[in-house]
Amino acid sequence: VTDGKAYVDENGHLVVEDAKESTITLDKKALGAEPIPESAGKATFVLAAEDKDATLEGVTVGEGDKAKTLTDKDKSVEFEGNSAKFTGLKDGKYSLEETVAPDGYTTVTKFTFTVENGKVKDVSTVTDGKAYVDEDGHLVVEDAQSGIVIDKLALGATPIPESAGKATFVLAAEEDGKTLAGVKINGGTALGEVSKTTFTGNNTQFEGLKDGKYSLEETAAPYGY
């Protein structure tokens, strides 16, 4: 009984050929294949064996001191990380599902794939972002940051004329210990470890706001308003 290949060769020797074990690398990136900033935390994933009666026995998730080797009781495993490596996946069908995106990001993705002779094939993806297998064979998920848009309009929901100039606003994080790190205003440079920022504009987009409580105060109206 074997999960590899066993036979008697021409010299009468018992030979066992072991099935190749695959190594799979997962990379979670920001849109444009940029690294997810540390301040956003990590995504949560679930790796599962999809074949009937199959388990993840012998599969190692992670590397070094944080590596975890699974047993025959493990049909699935949940882990956190924006980069992860799996080794020891035997031939069969698997799924890898992102259940929680990093803070300030929106994409969730589910990969389904087959391992055959130690190689990954037949990859299918369900995602609301961008997911693919790169040239190194890595499973890559690119995630867009969450976005909020504010519009400053005149009475009757008509645009503010350019001659009136722009309103001034202050955006602030209202919870203790929270900052605006990683937030972009109108696609500009990501903010650092600041708790509030001042900007001007009658139409403004924020990207990368993490879960939490914020205030947005208009401190100066356009001229004539």
Protein backbone atom coordinates (compact mmCIF):
# COMPACT_ATOMS: atom_id res chain seq x y z
CA VAL A 1 0.00 0.00 0.00
CA THR A 2 1.60 3.29 -1.06
CA ASP A 3 0.80 6.81 -2.17
CA GLY A 4 3.81 6.70 -4.50
CA LYS A 5 4.95 4.08 -7.02
CA ALA A 6 6.28 0.64 -5.96
CA TYR A 7 7.51 -2.27 -8.06
CA VAL A 8 10.13 -5.04 -8.39
CA ASP A 9 12.88 -4.13 -10.85
CA GLU A 10 14.78 -6.42 -13.27
CA ASN A 11 17.28 -7.29 -10.54
CA GLY A 12 14.57 -8.42 -8.14
CA HIS A 13 14.90 -5.29 -5.99
CA LEU A 14 11.87 -3.76 -4.31
CA VAL A 15 11.78 -0.16 -5.54
CA VAL A 16 9.63 2.66 -4.16
CA GLU A 17 9.47 5.86 -6.18
CA ASP A 18 8.26 8.72 -4.04
CA ALA A 19 5.85 11.25 -5.49
CA LYS A 20 7.38 14.68 -5.90
CA GLU A 21 6.20 17.22 -3.31
CA SER A 22 5.35 20.66 -4.57
CA THR A 23 6.31 24.03 -3.16
CA ILE A 24 3.85 26.88 -3.64
CA THR A 25 4.53 30.54 -2.85
CA LEU A 26 1.74 33.07 -2.27
CA ASP A 27 2.31 36.82 -2.61
CA LYS A 28 -0.26 39.41 -1.57
CA LYS A 29 0.52 42.82 -3.11
CA ALA A 30 -1.01 46.24 -3.50
CA LEU A 31 -2.36 47.22 -6.91
CA GLY A 32 0.57 47.69 -9.29
CA ALA A 33 2.45 44.78 -7.66
CA GLU A 34 3.68 46.99 -4.81
CA PRO A 35 4.29 45.49 -1.34
CA ILE A 36 1.50 45.80 1.24
CA PRO A 37 2.74 48.25 3.93
CA GLU A 38 3.35 46.74 7.37
CA SER A 39 0.89 49.22 8.90
CA ALA A 40 -1.95 47.51 7.00
CA GLY A 41 -1.37 44.20 8.77
CA LYS A 42 -1.85 40.82 7.13
CA ALA A 43 -4.48 39.01 5.12
CA THR A 44 -6.13 35.83 6.41
CA PHE A 45 -6.15 32.71 4.20
CA VAL A 46 -7.58 29.20 4.38
CA LEU A 47 -5.82 26.33 2.55
CA ALA A 48 -8.00 23.23 2.10
CA ALA A 49 -7.74 19.77 0.53
CA GLU A 50 -10.70 19.43 -1.83
CA ASP A 51 -10.56 15.72 -2.74
CA LYS A 52 -12.84 13.35 -0.82
CA ASP A 53 -11.14 11.93 2.29
CA ALA A 54 -7.92 13.84 1.50
CA THR A 55 -6.08 15.78 4.23
CA LEU A 56 -3.12 18.13 4.47
CA GLU A 57 -0.96 15.56 6.26
CA GLY A 58 2.73 16.37 5.83
CA VAL A 59 2.12 19.86 4.41
CA THR A 60 4.26 22.61 5.95
CA VAL A 61 2.89 26.16 6.05
CA GLY A 62 5.46 28.92 6.49
CA GLU A 63 9.20 28.85 6.99
CA GLY A 64 11.72 28.86 9.83
CA ASP A 65 10.54 29.11 13.43
CA LYS A 66 6.98 29.92 12.36
CA ALA A 67 6.61 26.87 10.11
CA LYS A 68 3.78 24.48 10.97
CA THR A 69 3.56 20.90 9.72
CA LEU A 70 0.03 19.52 9.47
CA THR A 71 -1.32 16.08 10.38
CA ASP A 72 -3.88 13.64 8.99
CA LYS A 73 -6.51 15.39 11.12
CA ASP A 74 -6.10 18.62 9.14
CA LYS A 75 -8.50 18.93 6.22
CA SER A 76 -7.87 22.69 6.14
CA VAL A 77 -5.70 25.29 7.85
CA GLU A 78 -6.14 29.03 8.47
CA PHE A 79 -3.13 31.34 8.57
CA GLU A 80 -2.19 35.01 8.32
CA GLY A 81 0.36 36.56 6.00
CA ASN A 82 0.94 38.64 2.88
CA SER A 83 3.57 36.14 1.74
CA ALA A 84 3.49 32.43 2.47
CA LYS A 85 5.14 29.22 1.32
CA PHE A 86 3.62 25.73 1.35
CA THR A 87 5.69 22.59 0.92
CA GLY A 88 4.71 18.94 0.84
CA LEU A 89 1.47 19.22 -1.11
CA LYS A 90 0.75 15.78 -2.56
CA ASP A 91 -1.03 15.18 -5.85
CA GLY A 92 -4.64 16.27 -5.63
CA LYS A 93 -7.03 19.22 -5.73
CA TYR A 94 -6.76 22.16 -3.33
CA SER A 95 -8.28 25.56 -2.66
CA LEU A 96 -6.64 28.65 -1.20
CA GLU A 97 -9.12 31.31 -0.09
CA GLU A 98 -8.43 34.80 1.24
CA THR A 99 -11.14 35.43 3.81
CA VAL A 100 -9.95 38.77 5.23
CA ALA A 101 -7.98 41.45 3.37
CA PRO A 102 -5.33 43.62 5.09
CA ASP A 103 -6.67 46.71 6.85
CA GLY A 104 -7.54 49.41 4.30
CA TYR A 105 -7.73 46.96 1.38
CA THR A 106 -10.75 45.38 -0.27
CA THR A 107 -9.91 42.31 -2.34
CA VAL A 108 -10.81 38.76 -1.40
CA THR A 109 -9.76 35.88 -3.64
CA LYS A 110 -10.18 32.11 -3.94
CA PHE A 111 -7.76 29.95 -5.92
CA THR A 112 -8.58 26.37 -6.87
CA PHE A 113 -5.70 24.31 -8.26
CA THR A 114 -4.43 20.79 -8.88
CA VAL A 115 -1.02 19.39 -7.93
CA GLU A 116 0.26 16.71 -10.31
CA ASN A 117 3.77 15.23 -10.07
CA GLY A 118 4.81 18.08 -7.82
CA LYS A 119 3.62 20.80 -10.20
CA VAL A 120 0.69 23.19 -9.92
CA LYS A 121 -1.75 23.14 -12.82
CA ASP A 122 -5.37 23.93 -13.71
CA VAL A 123 -5.45 27.11 -11.61
CA SER A 124 -8.84 28.83 -11.51
CA THR A 125 -9.55 32.06 -9.67
CA VAL A 126 -12.58 33.84 -8.25
CA THR A 127 -11.70 37.38 -7.16
CA ASP A 128 -12.91 40.97 -7.01
CA GLY A 129 -9.36 42.15 -7.64
CA LYS A 130 -6.50 40.95 -9.84
CA ALA A 131 -5.01 37.47 -9.36
CA TYR A 132 -2.60 35.46 -11.48
CA VAL A 133 0.35 33.05 -11.51
CA ASP A 134 3.59 34.96 -12.19
CA GLU A 135 6.64 33.87 -14.18
CA ASP A 136 8.14 32.24 -11.07
CA GLY A 137 5.02 30.16 -10.50
CA HIS A 138 3.90 32.24 -7.51
CA LEU A 139 0.21 32.78 -6.84
CA VAL A 140 -0.15 36.59 -6.79
CA VAL A 141 -3.10 38.67 -5.57
CA GLU A 142 -3.04 42.42 -6.26
CA ASP A 143 -5.37 44.36 -3.98
CA ALA A 144 -6.88 47.81 -4.45
CA GLN A 145 -7.09 50.09 -1.41
CA SER A 146 -10.52 51.04 -0.11
CA GLY A 147 -11.70 54.40 -1.46
CA ILE A 148 -14.02 57.19 -0.30
CA VAL A 149 -14.99 60.23 -2.36
CA ILE A 150 -16.39 63.54 -1.08
CA ASP A 151 -18.07 66.14 -3.28
CA LYS A 152 -18.57 69.76 -2.24
CA LEU A 153 -21.57 71.08 -4.15
CA ALA A 154 -23.60 74.27 -4.26
CA LEU A 155 -27.27 74.34 -3.18
CA GLY A 156 -29.30 72.27 -5.61
CA ALA A 157 -26.40 69.81 -6.06
CA THR A 158 -24.74 71.98 -8.70
CA PRO A 159 -20.93 72.16 -8.97
CA ILE A 160 -19.00 74.92 -7.20
CA PRO A 161 -17.69 77.31 -9.91
CA GLU A 162 -13.90 77.39 -10.30
CA SER A 163 -13.90 81.14 -9.63
CA ALA A 164 -15.00 80.42 -6.03
CA GLY A 165 -11.88 78.45 -5.31
CA LYS A 166 -11.75 75.39 -3.06
CA ALA A 167 -12.90 74.44 0.40
CA THR A 168 -10.39 73.54 3.13
CA PHE A 169 -10.89 70.33 5.12
CA VAL A 170 -9.23 68.58 8.03
CA LEU A 171 -9.31 64.77 8.11
CA ALA A 172 -8.52 63.25 11.51
CA ALA A 173 -8.29 59.78 13.07
CA GLU A 174 -10.45 59.91 16.19
CA GLU A 175 -9.40 56.73 18.03
CA ASP A 176 -6.49 56.62 20.48
CA GLY A 177 -3.35 55.27 18.90
CA LYS A 178 -4.77 55.41 15.37
CA THR A 179 -3.06 57.36 12.59
CA LEU A 180 -3.55 58.11 8.90
CA ALA A 181 -0.47 56.09 7.89
CA GLY A 182 -0.79 54.81 4.32
CA VAL A 183 -3.75 57.02 3.41
CA LYS A 184 -3.52 58.73 0.03
CA ILE A 185 -5.45 61.88 -0.89
CA ASN A 186 -6.25 62.23 -4.59
CA GLY A 187 -3.60 59.65 -5.45
CA GLY A 188 -0.79 61.58 -3.79
CA THR A 189 2.01 60.36 -1.55
CA ALA A 190 0.91 58.07 1.28
CA LEU A 191 0.71 59.85 4.63
CA GLY A 192 3.02 58.93 7.46
CA GLU A 193 2.30 58.42 11.17
CA VAL A 194 0.11 61.52 11.54
CA SER A 195 -3.29 61.67 13.25
CA LYS A 196 -4.70 64.48 11.07
CA THR A 197 -4.07 66.31 7.82
CA THR A 198 -5.33 69.48 6.11
CA PHE A 199 -6.15 69.65 2.40
CA THR A 200 -8.12 71.73 -0.10
CA GLY A 201 -10.56 70.58 -2.73
CA ASN A 202 -14.20 70.42 -3.76
CA ASN A 203 -13.87 66.84 -5.00
CA THR A 204 -11.53 64.58 -3.07
CA GLN A 205 -10.77 60.85 -2.96
CA PHE A 206 -9.21 59.03 0.00
CA GLU A 207 -7.54 55.64 -0.44
CA GLY A 208 -6.37 53.26 2.26
CA LEU A 209 -8.52 54.32 5.20
CA LYS A 210 -8.35 51.49 7.73
CA ASP A 211 -11.23 50.34 9.89
CA GLY A 212 -11.94 52.92 12.58
CA LYS A 213 -13.55 56.24 13.46
CA TYR A 214 -12.67 59.45 11.59
CA SER A 215 -13.80 63.08 11.39
CA LEU A 216 -13.84 65.31 8.32
CA GLU A 217 -14.26 69.01 9.11
CA GLU A 218 -14.66 71.79 6.58
CA THR A 219 -12.73 74.71 8.09
CA ALA A 220 -13.03 77.17 5.19
CA ALA A 221 -15.75 77.31 2.51
CA PRO A 222 -15.16 78.38 -1.10
CA TYR A 223 -15.39 82.14 -1.67
CA GLY A 224 -19.01 83.30 -1.49
CA TYR A 225 -20.23 80.14 0.27
